[in-house]
Structure formats: C-alpha cells, structure tokens
Amino acid sequence: MNDQAAAAYLNLTTRTLRNYRRQGKLPYREVKGKTRPVIDYRQDDLDRLKAELSRQRVRSNKPKEAAPALPRVSFGLPRAELAELAAEAKNYGVTPSEYARRLVRERMESNFRLEAAELRSGLAKANAETRKIRKEFSSAIEVVLEIAGLPADQAKQWVTDNLR
C-alpha cells in the first residue's frame, strides 16, 4: 500500500505517516517506480499500527480543553515609523512585533505605576483629613463634657481614653 492509501486507511495525514516512518514506528520498503522509488507498506504492519493508535486513543479519552485564543491587536504604521521601530528592535535583538509588544507593555506598566502613585497620594490626603476631623470631633466632645459639668482635665482624660 502506498503513502496516500496507508494514510487514508489509518485516518492520518501523509505527513504524520512519514513521521511515524522516520521514528521507526512503521516499517516500510522502497519499491522501484517508473521515475523514482515508491514507499510501500505491508498490510499487517498497518494493522498493528492501527491497533496501537486505537489503544492510545482509548487511554486518552478524556476531553481536551482548547487553549483560549488570545485577543489580537494589530495596527499599521507609516513606513518611516516602521523602519525606525525595526531599527530599534534590531538593537535589542528582537523582531519589530516583539519590540512593539515590549513598548506597549512598558507603557501600560508606567501607567499603572502613575495610577498607584495617585491613589497613594489620595489615600495620604484622606488620612490627613480623617485625622483632622477626629481631632475636631474630640475637641467638640471635650466641650460638651465640660458643659455637662465635668472638669476640663477629666473631660480631656475621658476623650483620650475613649476616642483617641
């Protein structure tokens, strides 16, 4: 049986069949053809490989999860900018597309760092404002306690013990 017929019999591509042949999994012989040698397979060798392949398929019968496709982004560049990108990429020993990905990633990381710094700054301002409000609230409670008849030093101590 020739390559095409053997591949059809095994339900494989001719390339996979050739790979099995190169790996030594499938014996073959070369028969003289009209212009060049033709590969020929014996039926019992094909039956043996078919049985082995079906055993492998039964063993690995669990469903295979498909790898999620990554979203792709593409854009065009004017020739001059593309040439500049390619020259820069060459300096780093990478392709222009790898260099473009690196630039995008660095820009995103830079933006994240800026946003984090802004958030830290906003948090520091909120903390300072909270401290100011707590201090004003404590002073107001001291005044209320003094109005209620508690001596100033006891009012201050009560606020210190319970609020600060």
C-alpha atoms as a PDB file:
ATOM      1  CA  MET A   1       0.000   0.000   0.000  1.00  0.00           C
ATOM      2  CA  ASN A   2       1.385   3.469  -0.871  1.00  0.00           C
ATOM      3  CA  ASP A   3       1.537   6.620   1.326  1.00  0.00           C
ATOM      4  CA  GLN A   4      -1.864   8.043   0.371  1.00  0.00           C
ATOM      5  CA  ALA A   5      -3.719   4.753   0.721  1.00  0.00           C
ATOM      6  CA  ALA A   6      -1.986   3.913   4.031  1.00  0.00           C
ATOM      7  CA  ALA A   7      -2.745   7.387   5.428  1.00  0.00           C
ATOM      8  CA  ALA A   8      -6.410   7.025   4.457  1.00  0.00           C
ATOM      9  CA  TYR A   9      -6.541   3.517   5.981  1.00  0.00           C
ATOM     10  CA  LEU A  10      -5.078   4.796   9.291  1.00  0.00           C
ATOM     11  CA  ASN A  11      -7.094   8.027   9.187  1.00  0.00           C
ATOM     12  CA  LEU A  12      -3.883  10.083   9.347  1.00  0.00           C
ATOM     13  CA  THR A  13      -2.229  12.669   7.169  1.00  0.00           C
ATOM     14  CA  THR A  14       0.629  11.620   4.927  1.00  0.00           C
ATOM     15  CA  ARG A  15       2.928  13.887   6.948  1.00  0.00           C
ATOM     16  CA  THR A  16       2.046  12.062  10.191  1.00  0.00           C
ATOM     17  CA  LEU A  17       2.572   8.768   8.391  1.00  0.00           C
ATOM     18  CA  ARG A  18       6.056   9.909   7.289  1.00  0.00           C
ATOM     19  CA  ASN A  19       6.830  10.993  10.862  1.00  0.00           C
ATOM     20  CA  TYR A  20       5.876   7.527  12.145  1.00  0.00           C
ATOM     21  CA  ARG A  21       8.090   6.033   9.433  1.00  0.00           C
ATOM     22  CA  ARG A  22      11.064   8.234  10.446  1.00  0.00           C
ATOM     23  CA  GLN A  23      10.525   7.372  14.138  1.00  0.00           C
ATOM     24  CA  GLY A  24      10.660   3.668  13.318  1.00  0.00           C
ATOM     25  CA  LYS A  25       7.056   3.032  14.352  1.00  0.00           C
ATOM     26  CA  LEU A  26       6.063   1.869  10.868  1.00  0.00           C
ATOM     27  CA  PRO A  27       8.236  -0.473   8.775  1.00  0.00           C
ATOM     28  CA  TYR A  28       8.283   0.174   5.046  1.00  0.00           C
ATOM     29  CA  ARG A  29      10.135  -0.761   1.898  1.00  0.00           C
ATOM     30  CA  GLU A  30      11.068   1.143  -1.212  1.00  0.00           C
ATOM     31  CA  VAL A  31       9.807  -0.338  -4.466  1.00  0.00           C
ATOM     32  CA  LYS A  32      11.140   0.688  -7.876  1.00  0.00           C
ATOM     33  CA  GLY A  33       8.744   3.071  -9.545  1.00  0.00           C
ATOM     34  CA  LYS A  34       8.687   4.496 -13.084  1.00  0.00           C
ATOM     35  CA  THR A  35      10.868   7.517 -12.262  1.00  0.00           C
ATOM     36  CA  ARG A  36      11.781   7.155  -8.586  1.00  0.00           C
ATOM     37  CA  PRO A  37      11.396   4.698  -5.711  1.00  0.00           C
ATOM     38  CA  VAL A  38       7.911   4.406  -4.181  1.00  0.00           C
ATOM     39  CA  ILE A  39       7.253   3.725  -0.485  1.00  0.00           C
ATOM     40  CA  ASP A  40       5.248   0.548   0.165  1.00  0.00           C
ATOM     41  CA  TYR A  41       3.719  -0.674   3.449  1.00  0.00           C
ATOM     42  CA  ARG A  42       2.679  -4.211   4.365  1.00  0.00           C
ATOM     43  CA  GLN A  43      -0.932  -4.684   5.459  1.00  0.00           C
ATOM     44  CA  ASP A  44      -0.029  -6.446   8.733  1.00  0.00           C
ATOM     45  CA  ASP A  45       2.297  -3.556   9.731  1.00  0.00           C
ATOM     46  CA  LEU A  46      -0.534  -1.089   9.067  1.00  0.00           C
ATOM     47  CA  ASP A  47      -2.983  -3.236  11.084  1.00  0.00           C
ATOM     48  CA  ARG A  48      -0.539  -3.359  14.012  1.00  0.00           C
ATOM     49  CA  LEU A  49      -0.093   0.458  13.975  1.00  0.00           C
ATOM     50  CA  LYS A  50      -3.857   0.976  13.642  1.00  0.00           C
ATOM     51  CA  ALA A  51      -4.477  -1.196  16.720  1.00  0.00           C
ATOM     52  CA  GLU A  52      -1.776   0.663  18.674  1.00  0.00           C
ATOM     53  CA  LEU A  53      -3.253   4.044  17.714  1.00  0.00           C
ATOM     54  CA  SER A  54      -6.761   2.964  18.739  1.00  0.00           C
ATOM     55  CA  ARG A  55      -5.431   1.781  22.141  1.00  0.00           C
ATOM     56  CA  GLN A  56      -3.770   5.175  22.627  1.00  0.00           C
ATOM     57  CA  ARG A  57      -6.991   6.978  21.727  1.00  0.00           C
ATOM     58  CA  VAL A  58      -8.986   4.883  24.219  1.00  0.00           C
ATOM     59  CA  ARG A  59      -6.478   5.599  27.005  1.00  0.00           C
ATOM     60  CA  SER A  60      -6.577   9.330  26.402  1.00  0.00           C
ATOM     61  CA  ASN A  61     -10.334   9.587  26.007  1.00  0.00           C
ATOM     62  CA  LYS A  62     -10.660  12.481  28.439  1.00  0.00           C
ATOM     63  CA  PRO A  63     -11.947  15.667  26.841  1.00  0.00           C
ATOM     64  CA  LYS A  64      -9.234  18.079  25.864  1.00  0.00           C
ATOM     65  CA  GLU A  65      -9.601  21.699  26.809  1.00  0.00           C
ATOM     66  CA  ALA A  66      -8.962  24.025  23.953  1.00  0.00           C
ATOM     67  CA  ALA A  67      -6.446  26.739  24.724  1.00  0.00           C
ATOM     68  CA  PRO A  68      -8.234  30.066  24.851  1.00  0.00           C
ATOM     69  CA  ALA A  69      -7.488  32.182  21.845  1.00  0.00           C
ATOM     70  CA  LEU A  70      -5.624  35.325  22.770  1.00  0.00           C
ATOM     71  CA  PRO A  71      -7.200  38.519  21.545  1.00  0.00           C
ATOM     72  CA  ARG A  72      -5.115  40.104  18.860  1.00  0.00           C
ATOM     73  CA  VAL A  73      -4.368  43.735  18.253  1.00  0.00           C
ATOM     74  CA  SER A  74      -2.910  44.967  15.031  1.00  0.00           C
ATOM     75  CA  PHE A  75      -2.275  48.372  13.597  1.00  0.00           C
ATOM     76  CA  GLY A  76      -0.494  49.898  10.677  1.00  0.00           C
ATOM     77  CA  LEU A  77       2.480  52.220  10.788  1.00  0.00           C
ATOM     78  CA  PRO A  78       3.811  54.613   8.201  1.00  0.00           C
ATOM     79  CA  ARG A  79       6.946  53.247   6.500  1.00  0.00           C
ATOM     80  CA  ALA A  80       9.279  55.689   8.254  1.00  0.00           C
ATOM     81  CA  GLU A  81       7.955  54.767  11.707  1.00  0.00           C
ATOM     82  CA  LEU A  82       8.067  51.065  10.866  1.00  0.00           C
ATOM     83  CA  ALA A  83      11.684  51.429   9.738  1.00  0.00           C
ATOM     84  CA  GLU A  84      12.509  53.242  12.989  1.00  0.00           C
ATOM     85  CA  LEU A  85      10.765  50.511  15.002  1.00  0.00           C
ATOM     86  CA  ALA A  86      12.661  47.807  13.095  1.00  0.00           C
ATOM     87  CA  ALA A  87      15.988  49.590  13.695  1.00  0.00           C
ATOM     88  CA  GLU A  88      15.302  49.879  17.429  1.00  0.00           C
ATOM     89  CA  ALA A  89      14.193  46.243  17.565  1.00  0.00           C
ATOM     90  CA  LYS A  90      17.428  45.198  15.868  1.00  0.00           C
ATOM     91  CA  ASN A  91      19.398  46.953  18.643  1.00  0.00           C
ATOM     92  CA  TYR A  92      17.682  44.673  21.168  1.00  0.00           C
ATOM     93  CA  GLY A  93      17.928  41.560  19.004  1.00  0.00           C
ATOM     94  CA  VAL A  94      14.166  41.093  18.682  1.00  0.00           C
ATOM     95  CA  THR A  95      11.630  41.324  15.887  1.00  0.00           C
ATOM     96  CA  PRO A  96       9.722  44.570  15.332  1.00  0.00           C
ATOM     97  CA  SER A  97       6.498  42.966  16.613  1.00  0.00           C
ATOM     98  CA  GLU A  98       8.228  41.739  19.801  1.00  0.00           C
ATOM     99  CA  TYR A  99       9.684  45.209  20.326  1.00  0.00           C
ATOM    100  CA  ALA A 100       6.261  46.815  19.778  1.00  0.00           C
ATOM    101  CA  ARG A 101       4.761  44.440  22.392  1.00  0.00           C
ATOM    102  CA  ARG A 102       7.546  45.410  24.793  1.00  0.00           C
ATOM    103  CA  LEU A 103       6.845  49.119  24.261  1.00  0.00           C
ATOM    104  CA  VAL A 104       3.121  48.645  24.860  1.00  0.00           C
ATOM    105  CA  ARG A 105       3.769  46.566  27.988  1.00  0.00           C
ATOM    106  CA  GLU A 106       6.242  49.143  29.374  1.00  0.00           C
ATOM    107  CA  ARG A 107       3.752  51.952  28.708  1.00  0.00           C
ATOM    108  CA  MET A 108       0.990  50.055  30.481  1.00  0.00           C
ATOM    109  CA  GLU A 109       3.263  49.331  33.461  1.00  0.00           C
ATOM    110  CA  SER A 110       4.216  53.013  33.585  1.00  0.00           C
ATOM    111  CA  ASN A 111       0.529  53.995  33.572  1.00  0.00           C
ATOM    112  CA  PHE A 112      -0.166  51.516  36.374  1.00  0.00           C
ATOM    113  CA  ARG A 113       2.692  52.964  38.432  1.00  0.00           C
ATOM    114  CA  LEU A 114       1.352  56.503  37.918  1.00  0.00           C
ATOM    115  CA  GLU A 115      -2.166  55.439  38.905  1.00  0.00           C
ATOM    116  CA  ALA A 116      -0.811  53.688  42.006  1.00  0.00           C
ATOM    117  CA  ALA A 117       1.128  56.822  42.997  1.00  0.00           C
ATOM    118  CA  GLU A 118      -2.021  58.946  42.537  1.00  0.00           C
ATOM    119  CA  LEU A 119      -4.007  56.502  44.672  1.00  0.00           C
ATOM    120  CA  ARG A 120      -1.340  56.564  47.405  1.00  0.00           C
ATOM    121  CA  SER A 121      -1.355  60.360  47.326  1.00  0.00           C
ATOM    122  CA  GLY A 122      -5.157  60.445  47.548  1.00  0.00           C
ATOM    123  CA  LEU A 123      -5.059  57.991  50.435  1.00  0.00           C
ATOM    124  CA  ALA A 124      -2.494  60.105  52.287  1.00  0.00           C
ATOM    125  CA  LYS A 125      -4.716  63.182  51.844  1.00  0.00           C
ATOM    126  CA  ALA A 126      -7.785  61.243  53.042  1.00  0.00           C
ATOM    127  CA  ASN A 127      -5.859  60.007  56.097  1.00  0.00           C
ATOM    128  CA  ALA A 128      -4.728  63.548  56.928  1.00  0.00           C
ATOM    129  CA  GLU A 129      -8.307  64.807  56.580  1.00  0.00           C
ATOM    130  CA  THR A 130      -9.557  61.975  58.802  1.00  0.00           C
ATOM    131  CA  ARG A 131      -7.008  62.859  61.491  1.00  0.00           C
ATOM    132  CA  LYS A 132      -8.100  66.493  61.317  1.00  0.00           C
ATOM    133  CA  ILE A 133     -11.785  65.565  61.663  1.00  0.00           C
ATOM    134  CA  ARG A 134     -11.061  63.209  64.592  1.00  0.00           C
ATOM    135  CA  LYS A 135      -9.152  65.969  66.364  1.00  0.00           C
ATOM    136  CA  GLU A 136     -12.035  68.437  65.833  1.00  0.00           C
ATOM    137  CA  PHE A 137     -14.565  65.827  66.974  1.00  0.00           C
ATOM    138  CA  SER A 138     -12.514  65.092  70.121  1.00  0.00           C
ATOM    139  CA  SER A 139     -12.352  68.815  70.919  1.00  0.00           C
ATOM    140  CA  ALA A 140     -16.128  69.122  70.453  1.00  0.00           C
ATOM    141  CA  ILE A 141     -16.756  66.176  72.797  1.00  0.00           C
ATOM    142  CA  GLU A 142     -14.459  67.756  75.412  1.00  0.00           C
ATOM    143  CA  VAL A 143     -16.526  70.968  75.229  1.00  0.00           C
ATOM    144  CA  VAL A 144     -19.798  69.010  75.574  1.00  0.00           C
ATOM    145  CA  LEU A 145     -18.440  67.137  78.619  1.00  0.00           C
ATOM    146  CA  GLU A 146     -17.307  70.412  80.214  1.00  0.00           C
ATOM    147  CA  ILE A 147     -20.770  71.930  79.595  1.00  0.00           C
ATOM    148  CA  ALA A 148     -22.280  68.817  81.191  1.00  0.00           C
ATOM    149  CA  GLY A 149     -20.302  69.647  84.362  1.00  0.00           C
ATOM    150  CA  LEU A 150     -17.151  67.502  84.054  1.00  0.00           C
ATOM    151  CA  PRO A 151     -13.924  69.331  84.967  1.00  0.00           C
ATOM    152  CA  ALA A 152     -11.698  70.152  81.956  1.00  0.00           C
ATOM    153  CA  ASP A 153      -8.893  67.750  82.953  1.00  0.00           C
ATOM    154  CA  GLN A 154     -11.361  64.842  83.424  1.00  0.00           C
ATOM    155  CA  ALA A 155     -13.108  65.661  80.123  1.00  0.00           C
ATOM    156  CA  LYS A 156      -9.732  65.626  78.343  1.00  0.00           C
ATOM    157  CA  GLN A 157      -8.813  62.309  80.012  1.00  0.00           C
ATOM    158  CA  TRP A 158     -12.185  60.745  79.054  1.00  0.00           C
ATOM    159  CA  VAL A 159     -11.703  61.764  75.389  1.00  0.00           C
ATOM    160  CA  THR A 160      -8.117  60.440  75.414  1.00  0.00           C
ATOM    161  CA  ASP A 161      -9.197  57.097  76.919  1.00  0.00           C
ATOM    162  CA  ASN A 162     -12.255  56.558  74.711  1.00  0.00           C
ATOM    163  CA  LEU A 163     -11.760  58.373  71.410  1.00  0.00           C
ATOM    164  CA  ARG A 164      -8.094  58.802  70.551  1.00  0.00           C
END
